[in-house]
Protein backbone atom coordinates (compact mmCIF):
# COMPACT_ATOMS: atom_id res chain seq x y z
CA MET A 1 -20.50 14.75 37.02
CA PRO A 2 -17.52 15.80 34.24
CA SER A 3 -14.06 15.62 35.49
CA PRO A 4 -12.92 19.52 36.23
CA SER A 5 -11.13 20.40 33.11
CA PRO A 6 -9.05 23.70 32.35
CA LEU A 7 -10.75 23.97 29.10
CA HIS A 8 -13.86 25.22 30.85
CA SER A 9 -12.59 28.30 31.58
CA VAL A 10 -12.10 29.19 28.00
CA VAL A 11 -14.43 30.50 25.06
CA VAL A 12 -14.23 31.26 21.52
CA ALA A 13 -14.92 34.73 21.31
CA SER A 14 -15.03 35.27 17.37
CA VAL A 15 -14.84 33.27 14.18
CA TYR A 16 -14.13 34.91 10.54
CA ASN A 17 -13.81 33.41 6.93
CA THR A 18 -12.68 35.46 4.26
CA ARG A 19 -14.25 34.85 0.84
CA GLN A 20 -13.70 31.14 -0.25
CA ALA A 21 -13.47 30.38 -3.96
CA LYS A 22 -11.92 28.02 -6.34
CA GLU A 23 -9.29 30.33 -7.29
CA LEU A 24 -9.07 33.86 -5.64
CA PRO A 25 -6.57 35.68 -8.23
CA GLY A 26 -4.17 38.49 -6.77
CA GLU A 27 -4.38 36.93 -3.17
CA THR A 28 -1.91 35.03 -1.44
CA SER A 29 -1.94 32.74 1.73
CA ALA A 30 -0.27 35.91 3.60
CA THR A 31 -3.12 38.24 2.60
CA LEU A 32 -5.71 35.99 3.18
CA ILE A 33 -4.46 35.09 6.73
CA VAL A 34 -3.79 38.65 7.47
CA GLU A 35 -7.57 39.56 6.35
CA ALA A 36 -8.94 36.66 8.45
CA MET A 37 -7.00 37.98 11.34
CA ARG A 38 -8.43 41.45 11.10
CA GLY A 39 -11.92 40.18 10.93
CA ALA A 40 -11.70 37.92 13.76
CA LEU A 41 -10.31 40.99 15.95
CA GLU A 42 -12.74 43.27 14.64
CA ARG A 43 -15.64 41.04 15.64
CA ALA A 44 -14.58 40.68 18.85
CA GLY A 45 -13.79 44.26 19.20
CA LEU A 46 -10.39 43.77 19.70
CA THR A 47 -6.91 45.20 18.65
CA PRO A 48 -3.55 43.65 17.88
CA ASP A 49 -2.49 44.95 21.32
CA ASP A 50 -5.06 43.04 23.11
CA VAL A 51 -3.72 39.62 21.79
CA ASP A 52 -0.75 37.94 23.58
CA GLY A 53 -0.87 34.57 21.83
CA VAL A 54 -0.81 33.85 18.05
CA ASN A 55 -0.85 30.69 15.86
CA ALA A 56 -1.30 31.69 12.36
CA ASN A 57 -0.04 28.80 10.06
CA SER A 58 -0.11 27.62 6.52
CA PRO A 59 1.90 24.92 6.00
CA TYR A 60 1.79 24.91 2.31
CA GLY A 61 1.52 28.92 2.11
CA GLY A 62 4.75 29.80 3.87
CA ILE A 63 3.21 31.22 6.97
CA ASN A 64 4.34 30.22 10.39
CA PRO A 65 3.39 31.55 13.84
CA ARG A 66 6.45 33.34 14.55
CA LEU A 67 6.23 35.26 11.32
CA ALA A 68 2.62 35.92 12.27
CA ALA A 69 3.94 37.48 15.67
CA HIS A 70 6.00 39.46 13.70
CA LEU A 71 3.28 40.76 11.39
CA LEU A 72 1.61 41.46 14.57
CA GLY A 73 3.91 44.06 15.64
CA GLY A 74 6.71 41.74 17.11
CA ARG A 75 5.68 41.98 20.88
CA PRO A 76 6.50 39.19 23.15
CA ARG A 77 3.65 36.59 22.78
CA TRP A 78 2.58 32.91 23.10
CA THR A 79 2.87 31.04 19.86
CA GLY A 80 1.47 27.64 18.82
CA THR A 81 2.29 24.82 16.31
CA ASP A 82 -0.81 22.91 15.77
CA LEU A 83 -3.18 22.86 12.97
CA GLY A 84 -7.16 22.78 13.43
CA ILE A 85 -8.66 21.34 16.40
CA GLY A 86 -4.88 20.67 17.76
CA ALA A 87 -4.27 24.29 17.43
CA VAL A 88 -7.33 25.09 19.26
CA LEU A 89 -7.01 22.52 22.25
CA GLU A 90 -3.17 23.86 22.42
CA ALA A 91 -4.25 27.57 22.86
CA ALA A 92 -6.83 26.63 25.24
CA GLY A 93 -4.41 25.02 27.42
CA ALA A 94 -1.98 28.00 27.25
CA ILE A 95 -4.94 30.11 28.16
CA ALA A 96 -5.89 28.13 30.75
CA THR A 97 -2.22 27.57 32.55
CA GLY A 98 -1.84 31.33 32.47
CA GLN A 99 0.88 31.88 29.70
CA CYS A 100 -1.54 33.91 27.81
CA HIS A 101 -5.22 35.20 27.76
CA THR A 102 -6.22 35.97 24.30
CA VAL A 103 -5.08 33.65 21.19
CA LEU A 104 -5.34 34.61 17.56
CA LEU A 105 -5.56 31.50 15.17
CA ALA A 106 -5.44 31.70 11.42
CA ASP A 107 -4.76 29.63 8.44
CA GLY A 108 -5.57 30.18 4.83
CA GLN A 109 -4.12 29.13 1.38
CA ALA A 110 -3.98 30.66 -2.19
CA GLY A 111 -2.21 30.02 -5.11
CA ARG A 112 -1.04 26.43 -4.30
CA TYR A 113 -2.98 24.37 -6.00
CA ARG A 114 -3.74 25.42 -10.03
CA ASP A 115 -3.00 21.97 -11.65
CA HIS A 116 -6.41 20.41 -11.79
CA ARG A 117 -5.58 17.58 -14.25
CA SER A 118 -4.01 16.14 -11.24
CA THR A 119 -4.32 15.34 -7.41
CA SER A 120 -3.83 18.07 -4.51
CA PRO A 121 -0.30 18.59 -4.11
CA TRP A 122 -0.68 17.74 -0.21
CA THR A 123 -2.04 14.39 -1.02
CA ARG A 124 1.15 13.36 -3.29
CA PRO A 125 3.60 12.23 -0.78
CA GLU A 126 7.28 11.94 -1.93
CA ASN A 127 7.99 8.90 0.24
CA GLU A 128 9.45 6.30 -2.49
CA PHE A 129 7.72 3.80 -0.73
CA VAL A 130 4.59 4.99 -1.05
CA ALA A 131 4.23 6.86 -4.27
CA CYS A 132 4.92 3.79 -5.94
CA PHE A 133 1.85 2.04 -4.61
CA GLY A 134 -0.54 4.77 -6.27
CA LEU A 135 -1.73 5.47 -2.44
CA TYR A 136 -2.96 9.15 -3.12
CA THR A 137 -5.46 10.51 -0.67
CA ALA A 138 -8.72 9.43 -2.45
CA ALA A 139 -7.19 5.67 -2.84
CA GLU A 140 -6.27 5.64 0.76
CA PHE A 141 -9.67 6.42 2.34
CA ALA A 142 -11.53 3.99 -0.56
CA LEU A 143 -9.42 1.22 0.76
CA VAL A 144 -10.96 1.98 4.58
CA ALA A 145 -14.54 2.40 2.93
CA ARG A 146 -14.14 -1.00 0.61
CA ARG A 147 -13.27 -3.25 3.78
CA HIS A 148 -16.46 -1.57 5.69
CA MET A 149 -18.57 -2.29 2.66
CA HIS A 150 -17.36 -5.95 2.82
CA LEU A 151 -17.91 -6.32 6.44
CA TYR A 152 -21.17 -4.62 6.88
CA GLY A 153 -22.68 -4.56 3.46
CA THR A 154 -22.52 -0.76 3.41
CA PRO A 155 -24.16 0.06 -0.01
CA ALA A 156 -22.86 2.63 -2.35
CA GLU A 157 -26.44 4.42 -2.04
CA ALA A 158 -25.56 5.20 1.60
CA LEU A 159 -22.13 6.96 0.31
CA ALA A 160 -24.40 9.11 -2.15
CA GLU A 161 -26.72 10.24 0.36
CA VAL A 162 -24.28 11.51 2.48
CA ALA A 163 -22.64 13.26 -0.43
CA ALA A 164 -25.72 14.83 -1.79
CA THR A 165 -27.09 15.96 1.82
CA ILE A 166 -23.77 17.85 2.51
CA ARG A 167 -23.60 19.30 -1.04
CA GLN A 168 -27.18 20.40 -0.74
CA ASN A 169 -26.18 22.34 2.60
CA GLY A 170 -23.63 23.82 0.77
CA ALA A 171 -25.69 24.82 -2.17
CA ARG A 172 -27.86 26.52 0.22
CA HIS A 173 -24.75 28.63 1.76
CA PRO A 174 -24.20 31.71 0.28
CA GLU A 175 -20.68 31.63 1.22
CA ALA A 176 -19.79 28.26 0.02
CA VAL A 177 -17.87 27.88 -3.04
CA HIS A 178 -20.60 25.35 -4.36
CA TYR A 179 -23.33 27.41 -3.85
CA GLY A 180 -26.36 27.12 -5.87
CA ARG A 181 -24.92 23.89 -6.83
CA PHE A 182 -27.67 21.44 -5.82
CA VAL A 183 -26.63 17.67 -6.16
CA THR A 184 -29.18 14.52 -5.83
CA ARG A 185 -28.36 10.97 -4.93
CA GLU A 186 -28.38 10.01 -8.16
CA ASP A 187 -25.81 12.83 -9.58
CA VAL A 188 -23.32 11.38 -7.00
CA LEU A 189 -23.94 7.72 -8.52
CA ARG A 190 -23.80 8.78 -12.18
CA SER A 191 -20.11 10.92 -11.38
CA ARG A 192 -17.08 9.60 -13.15
CA PRO A 193 -15.27 7.02 -10.97
CA ILE A 194 -12.11 8.00 -9.03
CA ALA A 195 -11.07 5.34 -6.84
CA GLU A 196 -13.40 2.64 -6.28
CA PRO A 197 -16.00 2.78 -4.35
CA PHE A 198 -15.81 6.84 -4.62
CA ARG A 199 -17.17 8.99 -7.52
CA LEU A 200 -16.03 12.68 -8.04
CA LEU A 201 -19.10 13.65 -6.06
CA ASP A 202 -17.96 11.77 -3.13
CA CYS A 203 -14.79 13.44 -3.12
CA ALA A 204 -13.76 17.07 -1.34
CA ILE A 205 -13.71 19.87 -3.60
CA ASN A 206 -10.39 22.10 -3.57
CA SER A 207 -10.34 26.16 -2.91
CA GLU A 208 -8.99 28.90 -1.71
CA GLY A 209 -9.55 31.14 1.45
CA GLY A 210 -8.67 32.06 4.87
CA SER A 211 -9.98 31.71 8.51
CA ALA A 212 -9.41 32.68 11.95
CA MET A 213 -10.74 32.63 15.21
CA VAL A 214 -10.07 34.46 18.73
CA LEU A 215 -10.10 32.49 22.06
CA THR A 216 -9.91 33.78 25.40
CA THR A 217 -11.11 33.33 28.96
CA ALA A 218 -14.77 33.34 29.97
CA GLU A 219 -13.98 36.15 32.07
CA ARG A 220 -12.66 38.43 29.64
CA ALA A 221 -15.27 37.42 27.15
CA ARG A 222 -17.93 38.85 29.37
CA ASP A 223 -16.38 42.50 28.58
CA LEU A 224 -16.90 41.78 24.91
CA ASP A 225 -19.80 42.28 22.86
CA VAL A 226 -19.77 38.80 21.55
CA THR A 227 -21.83 35.35 22.31
CA PRO A 228 -18.94 33.19 23.78
CA VAL A 229 -18.82 29.36 22.76
CA TYR A 230 -17.54 27.18 25.17
CA LEU A 231 -14.89 24.48 24.72
CA LEU A 232 -16.68 21.43 26.46
CA GLY A 233 -14.26 18.58 25.75
CA GLY A 234 -11.64 17.60 23.18
CA ALA A 235 -9.00 15.40 22.39
CA LEU A 236 -6.43 14.10 19.67
CA ASP A 237 -6.01 10.63 18.17
CA ARG A 238 -2.86 10.11 16.10
CA GLN A 239 -1.81 6.87 15.17
CA GLY A 240 0.71 7.18 12.56
CA MET A 241 2.22 9.35 9.61
CA ALA A 242 -0.57 10.10 7.43
CA TYR A 243 -0.17 9.03 3.43
CA VAL A 244 2.72 6.92 4.61
CA THR A 245 1.42 4.28 6.45
CA ALA A 246 -0.98 1.87 4.97
CA PRO A 247 -4.46 2.58 6.04
CA VAL A 248 -5.56 -0.93 7.42
CA TYR A 249 -8.83 -1.23 8.36
CA ASP A 250 -8.56 -3.71 11.11
CA LEU A 251 -5.66 -1.17 13.08
CA TYR A 252 -7.13 2.55 11.77
CA GLY A 253 -10.84 1.78 11.15
CA ARG A 254 -11.65 3.04 15.07
CA VAL A 255 -9.44 6.11 15.08
CA GLY A 256 -11.12 9.02 16.73
CA GLU A 257 -12.95 6.58 19.39
CA ARG A 258 -10.70 7.08 22.33
CA ALA A 259 -10.59 11.30 21.48
CA ALA A 260 -14.37 11.21 21.44
CA ALA A 261 -14.67 9.17 24.66
CA ILE A 262 -12.54 11.66 26.55
CA ALA A 263 -14.36 14.71 25.02
CA TYR A 264 -17.57 13.36 26.36
CA ARG A 265 -16.25 12.22 29.50
CA ARG A 266 -14.62 15.79 30.23
CA ALA A 267 -18.15 17.44 28.88
CA GLY A 268 -20.12 15.14 31.12
CA ILE A 269 -22.25 14.34 28.22
CA GLY A 270 -23.01 11.64 25.73
CA PRO A 271 -23.59 11.35 22.03
CA GLU A 272 -27.31 11.61 22.49
CA ASP A 273 -26.64 15.22 24.11
CA VAL A 274 -24.96 16.50 20.81
CA ASP A 275 -27.41 18.54 18.27
CA PHE A 276 -25.37 18.62 15.10
CA ALA A 277 -21.94 17.43 13.98
CA GLU A 278 -19.49 19.19 11.86
CA LEU A 279 -17.60 16.10 10.86
CA TYR A 280 -14.71 15.88 8.79
CA ASP A 281 -15.77 14.73 5.06
CA PRO A 282 -12.95 14.63 2.86
CA PHE A 283 -14.88 11.93 1.30
CA SER A 284 -18.55 10.71 1.89
CA PHE A 285 -17.54 7.20 3.41
CA GLU A 286 -15.86 8.83 6.06
CA VAL A 287 -18.81 10.43 7.67
CA ILE A 288 -20.30 6.85 7.94
CA ARG A 289 -17.16 5.76 9.71
CA GLN A 290 -17.34 8.75 12.30
CA LEU A 291 -20.99 8.28 13.05
CA GLU A 292 -20.15 4.60 14.26
CA VAL A 293 -16.72 5.43 16.19
CA LEU A 294 -17.92 8.39 18.00
CA GLY A 295 -20.64 6.91 19.06
CA PHE A 296 -23.77 7.91 17.32
CA CYS A 297 -24.54 4.87 15.94
CA ARG A 298 -23.81 1.20 16.40
CA GLU A 299 -21.03 -0.62 14.24
CA GLY A 300 -22.27 -1.34 10.70
CA GLU A 301 -25.65 0.70 11.23
CA ALA A 302 -24.66 4.15 10.22
CA ALA A 303 -25.63 3.56 6.28
CA ASP A 304 -29.03 2.87 7.58
CA PHE A 305 -29.30 6.00 9.70
CA VAL A 306 -27.84 8.08 6.59
CA LEU A 307 -30.44 6.54 4.26
CA GLU A 308 -33.45 7.16 6.80
CA GLY A 309 -32.49 10.97 6.58
CA GLY A 310 -30.42 11.25 10.07
CA ILE A 311 -27.80 13.84 8.76
CA ARG A 312 -30.02 15.78 7.10
CA ILE A 313 -31.08 19.39 8.25
CA GLY A 314 -34.08 18.54 10.62
CA GLY A 315 -32.92 14.57 11.25
CA ASP A 316 -31.32 13.44 14.42
CA LEU A 317 -28.06 14.66 13.75
CA PRO A 318 -27.56 17.23 10.99
CA VAL A 319 -23.84 16.88 9.72
CA ALA A 320 -21.39 19.23 7.85
CA THR A 321 -24.29 21.94 8.05
CA ASN A 322 -22.41 24.74 6.13
CA GLY A 323 -21.64 22.39 3.40
CA GLY A 324 -18.16 20.88 4.73
CA LEU A 325 -15.22 20.09 2.55
CA LEU A 326 -17.49 18.62 -0.05
CA SER A 327 -19.09 22.17 -0.93
CA PHE A 328 -18.12 25.02 1.53
CA SER A 329 -14.55 24.81 0.94
CA HIS A 330 -11.46 22.91 1.38
CA ALA A 331 -8.52 25.51 1.33
CA GLY A 332 -5.64 23.35 2.29
CA THR A 333 -5.26 23.19 5.96
CA ALA A 334 -7.65 26.07 6.69
CA GLN A 335 -10.33 23.49 6.20
CA LEU A 336 -9.38 22.08 9.80
CA LEU A 337 -9.97 25.19 11.67
CA GLN A 338 -12.98 25.68 9.52
CA LYS A 339 -14.70 22.64 10.90
CA VAL A 340 -14.67 24.50 14.35
CA ILE A 341 -15.85 27.66 12.87
CA ALA A 342 -18.67 25.98 11.39
CA ALA A 343 -19.77 24.49 14.77
CA VAL A 344 -19.25 28.23 16.52
CA GLU A 345 -21.31 29.74 13.57
CA GLN A 346 -24.09 27.21 14.05
CA LEU A 347 -24.19 27.78 17.74
CA THR A 348 -24.30 31.31 17.19
CA GLY A 349 -27.08 31.92 14.53
CA ARG A 350 -24.39 32.81 11.54
CA HIS A 351 -26.05 30.12 9.10
CA PRO A 352 -29.08 30.80 6.94
CA PRO A 353 -32.04 29.94 8.51
CA GLU A 354 -32.73 27.08 6.41
CA LEU A 355 -29.30 25.38 7.64
CA THR A 356 -29.72 26.46 11.23
CA VAL A 357 -30.63 23.67 13.71
CA PRO A 358 -33.40 24.90 15.89
CA GLY A 359 -32.39 25.01 19.48
CA ALA A 360 -29.04 23.53 18.86
CA LYS A 361 -26.53 24.07 21.99
CA ILE A 362 -24.00 21.74 21.69
CA GLY A 363 -22.25 20.82 18.69
CA MET A 364 -19.29 18.56 17.75
CA ALA A 365 -16.36 19.24 15.13
CA THR A 366 -13.80 16.72 14.00
CA ASN A 367 -10.70 16.92 11.92
CA GLY A 368 -9.05 13.98 9.96
CA GLY A 369 -10.11 10.37 9.38
CA ALA A 370 -9.10 6.59 8.99
CA GLY A 371 -7.18 7.26 5.81
CA ALA A 372 -5.34 9.92 7.43
CA LEU A 373 -4.39 7.82 10.36
CA PHE A 374 -5.95 10.55 12.78
CA CYS A 375 -9.19 12.08 14.22
CA ASP A 376 -9.29 14.71 16.25
CA VAL A 377 -12.77 15.41 18.20
CA LEU A 378 -13.83 18.80 19.66
CA LEU A 379 -17.33 19.38 21.77
CA LEU A 380 -18.46 22.98 21.94
CA GLY A 381 -21.59 24.47 23.91
CA LEU A 382 -23.57 27.95 24.54
CA GLU A 383 -23.75 26.93 28.17
CA ALA A 384 -20.80 26.59 30.57
CA PRO A 385 -20.31 23.05 31.78
């Protein structure tokens, strides 16, 4: 039996994504966040007066939770500080401990990344002892990938299969930035080199957009016209400063393993019970790494799992079913929250039919990866534990 968890009294009542695009002229991070908050509230049948907790946060867009509280009318509210899965768990803890009963989470970004000849601004650390080594994000994750390839013989074709599979999902999702852009394994292998072993199509896109969700108690959700999604278990793994500490595989290659073990234990399930996984996919290899450390494959065996079609829709564990960061969207830090949103939309039937996992009842969402020295895990389900 799972250990009693206060998370089990909290549900996701609604989720919302604004339009996602390479660029959204005329929009700002603030306008996207406000649109996302309104959309999430409308889907839940709520108004700002029903909300007593808020965490609208865009570190690169100039929006913080206390400003969001002001935008919602200035009434006394609980405010959070974290992002993505961390924000979901933080808000759930506040609800479970009676600090608030309904929390609105939001994030968004626009106008930040317009120089497409260079790397994204949030991947260019200013630390003088880091920048001189050239460790921008792709290089950080590439070091981890190369070590795994050396240890286990992981072939480049497996990385290309991950990228092609996820990008094919995005090509079939009308709301994805790369909707209609179908990519094959051969296309990935032919794309230009970025940081060996990564090629262009192994790497996440950059985009703009906003996202939001409403969390509340399971009891309050019964009075709303929604399909509640339960928080089954979750935990954070943070091992150091992202893009400052060197991503040594022997130290950080298993990050997320502890978080997954805690999440499974709290949910009273194992990896075999998970129907799909919205794994964080900043680069193709990170999916292979997570399949192993999160318990879906044995160490060194995820490449074969991928090459046999295991992560495709219809496979044993469909991954990044909306197209992920490689194709759906990568809008600053909003993409952290979008991993949870993707899991909720899969469970509640909001994906296109061709991307819907039949009979899915339990899903996983993750944030981060070894190159960033953190990996957070969240399990969600349609049924209360």
